């Protein structure tokens, strides 16, 4: 068993509404291809909704710091 398999896979992403505040995306144990999840249209649409005019990130009052992909 390698030590890498016990560590979660992480990626970093920056949104236009949060320049300078990258989001840490962590794959839960057992998730084999988190990159596919991050690149999926469903994930991209979810982020777009958060940043939309009525989204929780629109006003700058909130920041998204971390996402756990399960």
PDB file of N, CA and C in Angstrom:
ATOM      1  N   UNK A   1       0.846  -1.176   0.000  1.00  0.00           N
ATOM      2  CA  UNK A   1       0.000   0.000   0.000  1.00  0.00           C
ATOM      3  C   UNK A   1       0.893   1.241   0.000  1.00  0.00           C
ATOM      4  N   UNK A   2       0.715   2.093  -0.943  1.00  0.00           N
ATOM      5  CA  UNK A   2       1.545   3.295  -1.032  1.00  0.00           C
ATOM      6  C   UNK A   2       0.976   4.386  -0.141  1.00  0.00           C
ATOM      7  N   UNK A   3       1.840   5.299   0.271  1.00  0.00           N
ATOM      8  CA  UNK A   3       1.385   6.396   1.120  1.00  0.00           C
ATOM      9  C   UNK A   3       0.516   7.379   0.349  1.00  0.00           C
ATOM     10  N   UNK A   4       0.665   7.420  -0.980  1.00  0.00           N
ATOM     11  CA  UNK A   4      -0.133   8.337  -1.790  1.00  0.00           C
ATOM     12  C   UNK A   4      -1.609   7.974  -1.778  1.00  0.00           C
ATOM     13  N   UNK A   5      -1.928   6.684  -1.697  1.00  0.00           N
ATOM     14  CA  UNK A   5      -3.324   6.275  -1.768  1.00  0.00           C
ATOM     15  C   UNK A   5      -4.119   6.729  -0.546  1.00  0.00           C
ATOM     16  N   UNK A   6      -3.450   6.978   0.589  1.00  0.00           N
ATOM     17  CA  UNK A   6      -4.160   7.413   1.779  1.00  0.00           C
ATOM     18  C   UNK A   6      -4.351   8.928   1.829  1.00  0.00           C
ATOM     19  N   UNK A   7      -3.647   9.668   0.986  1.00  0.00           N
ATOM     20  CA  UNK A   7      -3.772  11.116   0.970  1.00  0.00           C
ATOM     21  C   UNK A   7      -4.820  11.536  -0.058  1.00  0.00           C
ATOM     22  N   UNK A   8      -5.685  12.480   0.305  1.00  0.00           N
ATOM     23  CA  UNK A   8      -6.695  12.927  -0.665  1.00  0.00           C
ATOM     24  C   UNK A   8      -6.054  13.689  -1.821  1.00  0.00           C
ATOM     25  N   UNK A   9      -6.655  13.560  -2.988  1.00  0.00           N
ATOM     26  CA  UNK A   9      -6.202  14.318  -4.149  1.00  0.00           C
ATOM     27  C   UNK A   9      -6.780  15.715  -4.051  1.00  0.00           C
ATOM     28  N   UNK A  10      -5.954  16.720  -4.300  1.00  0.00           N
ATOM     29  CA  UNK A  10      -6.438  18.095  -4.219  1.00  0.00           C
ATOM     30  C   UNK A  10      -6.133  18.850  -5.503  1.00  0.00           C
ATOM     31  N   UNK A  11      -6.994  19.778  -5.808  1.00  0.00           N
ATOM     32  CA  UNK A  11      -6.840  20.675  -6.951  1.00  0.00           C
ATOM     33  C   UNK A  11      -7.144  22.081  -6.448  1.00  0.00           C
ATOM     34  N   UNK A  12      -6.710  23.053  -7.201  1.00  0.00           N
ATOM     35  CA  UNK A  12      -6.989  24.441  -6.855  1.00  0.00           C
ATOM     36  C   UNK A  12      -7.662  25.111  -8.043  1.00  0.00           C
ATOM     37  N   UNK A  13      -8.608  25.979  -7.766  1.00  0.00           N
ATOM     38  CA  UNK A  13      -9.391  26.643  -8.796  1.00  0.00           C
ATOM     39  C   UNK A  13      -9.666  28.071  -8.338  1.00  0.00           C
ATOM     40  N   UNK A  14      -9.601  29.028  -9.251  1.00  0.00           N
ATOM     41  CA  UNK A  14      -9.905  30.414  -8.920  1.00  0.00           C
ATOM     42  C   UNK A  14     -11.093  30.882  -9.754  1.00  0.00           C
ATOM     43  N   UNK A  15     -12.072  31.464  -9.093  1.00  0.00           N
ATOM     44  CA  UNK A  15     -13.257  31.988  -9.769  1.00  0.00           C
ATOM     45  C   UNK A  15     -13.079  33.479 -10.040  1.00  0.00           C
ATOM     46  N   UNK A  16     -13.692  33.989 -11.102  1.00  0.00           N
ATOM     47  CA  UNK A  16     -13.605  35.423 -11.402  1.00  0.00           C
ATOM     48  C   UNK A  16     -14.110  36.315 -10.265  1.00  0.00           C
ATOM     49  N   UNK A  17     -15.079  35.833  -9.498  1.00  0.00           N
ATOM     50  CA  UNK A  17     -15.614  36.633  -8.390  1.00  0.00           C
ATOM     51  C   UNK A  17     -14.741  36.558  -7.141  1.00  0.00           C
ATOM     52  N   UNK A  18     -13.736  35.693  -7.159  1.00  0.00           N
ATOM     53  CA  UNK A  18     -12.869  35.500  -5.998  1.00  0.00           C
ATOM     54  C   UNK A  18     -11.405  35.534  -6.403  1.00  0.00           C
ATOM     55  N   UNK A  19     -11.009  36.503  -7.179  1.00  0.00           N
ATOM     56  CA  UNK A  19      -9.618  36.592  -7.594  1.00  0.00           C
ATOM     57  C   UNK A  19      -8.726  36.700  -6.365  1.00  0.00           C
ATOM     58  N   UNK A  20      -7.664  35.945  -6.356  1.00  0.00           N
ATOM     59  CA  UNK A  20      -6.758  35.944  -5.215  1.00  0.00           C
ATOM     60  C   UNK A  20      -7.209  35.059  -4.071  1.00  0.00           C
ATOM     61  N   UNK A  21      -8.346  34.393  -4.226  1.00  0.00           N
ATOM     62  CA  UNK A  21      -8.883  33.498  -3.201  1.00  0.00           C
ATOM     63  C   UNK A  21      -9.168  32.132  -3.827  1.00  0.00           C
ATOM     64  N   UNK A  22      -8.154  31.326  -4.052  1.00  0.00           N
ATOM     65  CA  UNK A  22      -8.387  30.032  -4.709  1.00  0.00           C
ATOM     66  C   UNK A  22      -9.257  29.100  -3.868  1.00  0.00           C
ATOM     67  N   UNK A  23      -9.968  28.244  -4.559  1.00  0.00           N
ATOM     68  CA  UNK A  23     -10.818  27.235  -3.931  1.00  0.00           C
ATOM     69  C   UNK A  23     -10.043  25.930  -3.938  1.00  0.00           C
ATOM     70  N   UNK A  24      -9.997  25.276  -2.804  1.00  0.00           N
ATOM     71  CA  UNK A  24      -9.341  23.977  -2.713  1.00  0.00           C
ATOM     72  C   UNK A  24     -10.402  22.911  -2.967  1.00  0.00           C
ATOM     73  N   UNK A  25     -10.157  22.059  -3.953  1.00  0.00           N
ATOM     74  CA  UNK A  25     -11.083  20.980  -4.283  1.00  0.00           C
ATOM     75  C   UNK A  25     -10.415  19.677  -3.872  1.00  0.00           C
ATOM     76  N   UNK A  26     -11.067  18.960  -2.974  1.00  0.00           N
ATOM     77  CA  UNK A  26     -10.507  17.742  -2.400  1.00  0.00           C
ATOM     78  C   UNK A  26     -11.361  16.553  -2.812  1.00  0.00           C
ATOM     79  N   UNK A  27     -10.705  15.491  -3.261  1.00  0.00           N
ATOM     80  CA  UNK A  27     -11.404  14.251  -3.591  1.00  0.00           C
ATOM     81  C   UNK A  27     -11.470  13.385  -2.337  1.00  0.00           C
ATOM     82  N   UNK A  28     -12.654  12.933  -1.997  1.00  0.00           N
ATOM     83  CA  UNK A  28     -12.835  12.060  -0.842  1.00  0.00           C
ATOM     84  C   UNK A  28     -12.162  10.717  -1.109  1.00  0.00           C
ATOM     85  N   UNK A  29     -11.808  10.000  -0.052  1.00  0.00           N
ATOM     86  CA  UNK A  29     -11.232   8.668  -0.242  1.00  0.00           C
ATOM     87  C   UNK A  29     -12.158   7.802  -1.086  1.00  0.00           C
ATOM     88  N   UNK A  30     -11.590   7.106  -2.035  1.00  0.00           N
ATOM     89  CA  UNK A  30     -12.365   6.244  -2.918  1.00  0.00           C
ATOM     90  C   UNK A  30     -12.745   6.883  -4.238  1.00  0.00           C
ATOM     91  N   UNK A  31     -12.594   8.195  -4.360  1.00  0.00           N
ATOM     92  CA  UNK A  31     -12.879   8.874  -5.625  1.00  0.00           C
ATOM     93  C   UNK A  31     -11.647   8.723  -6.499  1.00  0.00           C
ATOM     94  N   UNK A  32     -11.791   8.015  -7.598  1.00  0.00           N
ATOM     95  CA  UNK A  32     -10.627   7.695  -8.418  1.00  0.00           C
ATOM     96  C   UNK A  32     -10.301   8.750  -9.464  1.00  0.00           C
ATOM     97  N   UNK A  33     -11.292   9.491  -9.926  1.00  0.00           N
ATOM     98  CA  UNK A  33     -11.019  10.457 -10.989  1.00  0.00           C
ATOM     99  C   UNK A  33     -11.709  11.785 -10.700  1.00  0.00           C
ATOM    100  N   UNK A  34     -11.161  12.516  -9.760  1.00  0.00           N
ATOM    101  CA  UNK A  34     -11.762  13.795  -9.386  1.00  0.00           C
ATOM    102  C   UNK A  34     -11.660  14.815 -10.508  1.00  0.00           C
ATOM    103  N   UNK A  35     -10.657  14.695 -11.355  1.00  0.00           N
ATOM    104  CA  UNK A  35     -10.490  15.642 -12.461  1.00  0.00           C
ATOM    105  C   UNK A  35     -11.692  15.577 -13.404  1.00  0.00           C
ATOM    106  N   UNK A  36     -12.211  14.382 -13.644  1.00  0.00           N
ATOM    107  CA  UNK A  36     -13.398  14.231 -14.484  1.00  0.00           C
ATOM    108  C   UNK A  36     -14.594  14.934 -13.841  1.00  0.00           C
ATOM    109  N   UNK A  37     -14.723  14.810 -12.529  1.00  0.00           N
ATOM    110  CA  UNK A  37     -15.823  15.480 -11.823  1.00  0.00           C
ATOM    111  C   UNK A  37     -15.696  16.994 -11.937  1.00  0.00           C
ATOM    112  N   UNK A  38     -14.487  17.513 -11.770  1.00  0.00           N
ATOM    113  CA  UNK A  38     -14.249  18.954 -11.833  1.00  0.00           C
ATOM    114  C   UNK A  38     -14.523  19.501 -13.232  1.00  0.00           C
ATOM    115  N   UNK A  39     -14.223  18.714 -14.237  1.00  0.00           N
ATOM    116  CA  UNK A  39     -14.419  19.151 -15.619  1.00  0.00           C
ATOM    117  C   UNK A  39     -15.830  18.882 -16.133  1.00  0.00           C
ATOM    118  N   UNK A  40     -16.677  18.255 -15.331  1.00  0.00           N
ATOM    119  CA  UNK A  40     -18.027  17.910 -15.776  1.00  0.00           C
ATOM    120  C   UNK A  40     -18.890  19.158 -15.941  1.00  0.00           C
ATOM    121  N   UNK A  41     -19.861  19.062 -16.824  1.00  0.00           N
ATOM    122  CA  UNK A  41     -20.766  20.191 -17.053  1.00  0.00           C
ATOM    123  C   UNK A  41     -21.609  20.475 -15.810  1.00  0.00           C
ATOM    124  N   UNK A  42     -21.946  19.451 -15.045  1.00  0.00           N
ATOM    125  CA  UNK A  42     -22.732  19.642 -13.824  1.00  0.00           C
ATOM    126  C   UNK A  42     -21.958  20.487 -12.802  1.00  0.00           C
ATOM    127  N   UNK A  43     -20.683  20.192 -12.595  1.00  0.00           N
ATOM    128  CA  UNK A  43     -19.858  20.953 -11.651  1.00  0.00           C
ATOM    129  C   UNK A  43     -19.686  22.390 -12.130  1.00  0.00           C
ATOM    130  N   UNK A  44     -19.421  22.563 -13.420  1.00  0.00           N
ATOM    131  CA  UNK A  44     -19.248  23.910 -13.975  1.00  0.00           C
ATOM    132  C   UNK A  44     -20.533  24.727 -13.851  1.00  0.00           C
ATOM    133  N   UNK A  45     -21.683  24.097 -14.074  1.00  0.00           N
ATOM    134  CA  UNK A  45     -22.968  24.788 -13.945  1.00  0.00           C
ATOM    135  C   UNK A  45     -23.234  25.176 -12.493  1.00  0.00           C
ATOM    136  N   UNK A  46     -22.861  24.307 -11.568  1.00  0.00           N
ATOM    137  CA  UNK A  46     -23.027  24.600 -10.145  1.00  0.00           C
ATOM    138  C   UNK A  46     -22.214  25.838  -9.764  1.00  0.00           C
ATOM    139  N   UNK A  47     -20.956  25.892 -10.208  1.00  0.00           N
ATOM    140  CA  UNK A  47     -20.121  27.064  -9.925  1.00  0.00           C
ATOM    141  C   UNK A  47     -20.699  28.327 -10.566  1.00  0.00           C
ATOM    142  N   UNK A  48     -21.177  28.193 -11.795  1.00  0.00           N
ATOM    143  CA  UNK A  48     -21.769  29.332 -12.501  1.00  0.00           C
ATOM    144  C   UNK A  48     -22.997  29.851 -11.742  1.00  0.00           C
ATOM    145  N   UNK A  49     -23.795  28.946 -11.207  1.00  0.00           N
ATOM    146  CA  UNK A  49     -24.979  29.341 -10.436  1.00  0.00           C
ATOM    147  C   UNK A  49     -24.587  30.085  -9.159  1.00  0.00           C
ATOM    148  N   UNK A  50     -23.522  29.640  -8.516  1.00  0.00           N
ATOM    149  CA  UNK A  50     -23.054  30.316  -7.305  1.00  0.00           C
ATOM    150  C   UNK A  50     -22.612  31.744  -7.591  1.00  0.00           C
ATOM    151  N   UNK A  51     -22.058  31.964  -8.787  1.00  0.00           N
ATOM    152  CA  UNK A  51     -21.546  33.283  -9.163  1.00  0.00           C
ATOM    153  C   UNK A  51     -22.578  34.161  -9.870  1.00  0.00           C
ATOM    154  N   UNK A  52     -23.722  33.594 -10.217  1.00  0.00           N
ATOM    155  CA  UNK A  52     -24.730  34.346 -10.969  1.00  0.00           C
ATOM    156  C   UNK A  52     -25.246  35.533 -10.158  1.00  0.00           C
ATOM    157  N   UNK A  53     -26.040  36.369 -10.792  1.00  0.00           N
ATOM    158  CA  UNK A  53     -26.582  37.575 -10.152  1.00  0.00           C
ATOM    159  C   UNK A  53     -27.277  37.269  -8.828  1.00  0.00           C
ATOM    160  N   UNK A  54     -27.974  36.145  -8.761  1.00  0.00           N
ATOM    161  CA  UNK A  54     -28.691  35.759  -7.546  1.00  0.00           C
ATOM    162  C   UNK A  54     -27.935  34.719  -6.724  1.00  0.00           C
ATOM    163  N   UNK A  55     -26.722  34.392  -7.135  1.00  0.00           N
ATOM    164  CA  UNK A  55     -25.936  33.377  -6.444  1.00  0.00           C
ATOM    165  C   UNK A  55     -25.332  33.886  -5.145  1.00  0.00           C
ATOM    166  N   UNK A  56     -24.986  32.957  -4.288  1.00  0.00           N
ATOM    167  CA  UNK A  56     -24.470  33.306  -2.960  1.00  0.00           C
ATOM    168  C   UNK A  56     -23.119  34.026  -3.012  1.00  0.00           C
ATOM    169  N   UNK A  57     -22.370  33.870  -4.105  1.00  0.00           N
ATOM    170  CA  UNK A  57     -21.062  34.522  -4.220  1.00  0.00           C
ATOM    171  C   UNK A  57     -21.121  35.861  -4.949  1.00  0.00           C
ATOM    172  N   UNK A  58     -22.287  36.244  -5.432  1.00  0.00           N
ATOM    173  CA  UNK A  58     -22.420  37.434  -6.282  1.00  0.00           C
ATOM    174  C   UNK A  58     -22.033  38.735  -5.588  1.00  0.00           C
ATOM    175  N   UNK A  59     -22.377  38.889  -4.334  1.00  0.00           N
ATOM    176  CA  UNK A  59     -22.152  40.166  -3.653  1.00  0.00           C
ATOM    177  C   UNK A  59     -20.761  40.310  -3.054  1.00  0.00           C
ATOM    178  N   UNK A  60     -20.040  39.206  -2.956  1.00  0.00           N
ATOM    179  CA  UNK A  60     -18.725  39.255  -2.327  1.00  0.00           C
ATOM    180  C   UNK A  60     -18.786  39.116  -0.815  1.00  0.00           C
ATOM    181  N   UNK A  61     -19.975  38.923  -0.272  1.00  0.00           N
ATOM    182  CA  UNK A  61     -20.131  38.750   1.178  1.00  0.00           C
ATOM    183  C   UNK A  61     -19.671  37.373   1.644  1.00  0.00           C
ATOM    184  N   UNK A  62     -19.698  36.414   0.726  1.00  0.00           N
ATOM    185  CA  UNK A  62     -19.304  35.047   1.050  1.00  0.00           C
ATOM    186  C   UNK A  62     -18.174  34.613   0.135  1.00  0.00           C
ATOM    187  N   UNK A  63     -17.335  33.709   0.639  1.00  0.00           N
ATOM    188  CA  UNK A  63     -16.271  33.102  -0.157  1.00  0.00           C
ATOM    189  C   UNK A  63     -16.438  31.595  -0.128  1.00  0.00           C
ATOM    190  N   UNK A  64     -16.151  30.963  -1.234  1.00  0.00           N
ATOM    191  CA  UNK A  64     -16.104  29.509  -1.296  1.00  0.00           C
ATOM    192  C   UNK A  64     -14.641  29.135  -1.136  1.00  0.00           C
ATOM    193  N   UNK A  65     -14.319  28.409  -0.082  1.00  0.00           N
ATOM    194  CA  UNK A  65     -12.922  28.083   0.194  1.00  0.00           C
ATOM    195  C   UNK A  65     -12.570  26.646  -0.141  1.00  0.00           C
ATOM    196  N   UNK A  66     -13.544  25.738  -0.008  1.00  0.00           N
ATOM    197  CA  UNK A  66     -13.227  24.329  -0.173  1.00  0.00           C
ATOM    198  C   UNK A  66     -14.443  23.565  -0.681  1.00  0.00           C
ATOM    199  N   UNK A  67     -14.187  22.601  -1.562  1.00  0.00           N
ATOM    200  CA  UNK A  67     -15.228  21.715  -2.082  1.00  0.00           C
ATOM    201  C   UNK A  67     -14.731  20.289  -1.900  1.00  0.00           C
ATOM    202  N   UNK A  68     -15.576  19.429  -1.375  1.00  0.00           N
ATOM    203  CA  UNK A  68     -15.252  18.018  -1.219  1.00  0.00           C
ATOM    204  C   UNK A  68     -16.018  17.233  -2.274  1.00  0.00           C
ATOM    205  N   UNK A  69     -15.295  16.555  -3.158  1.00  0.00           N
ATOM    206  CA  UNK A  69     -15.911  15.726  -4.197  1.00  0.00           C
ATOM    207  C   UNK A  69     -16.039  14.319  -3.633  1.00  0.00           C
ATOM    208  N   UNK A  70     -17.283  13.828  -3.556  1.00  0.00           N
ATOM    209  CA  UNK A  70     -17.522  12.494  -3.004  1.00  0.00           C
ATOM    210  C   UNK A  70     -17.997  11.542  -4.055  1.00  0.00           C
TER     211      UNK A  70
END
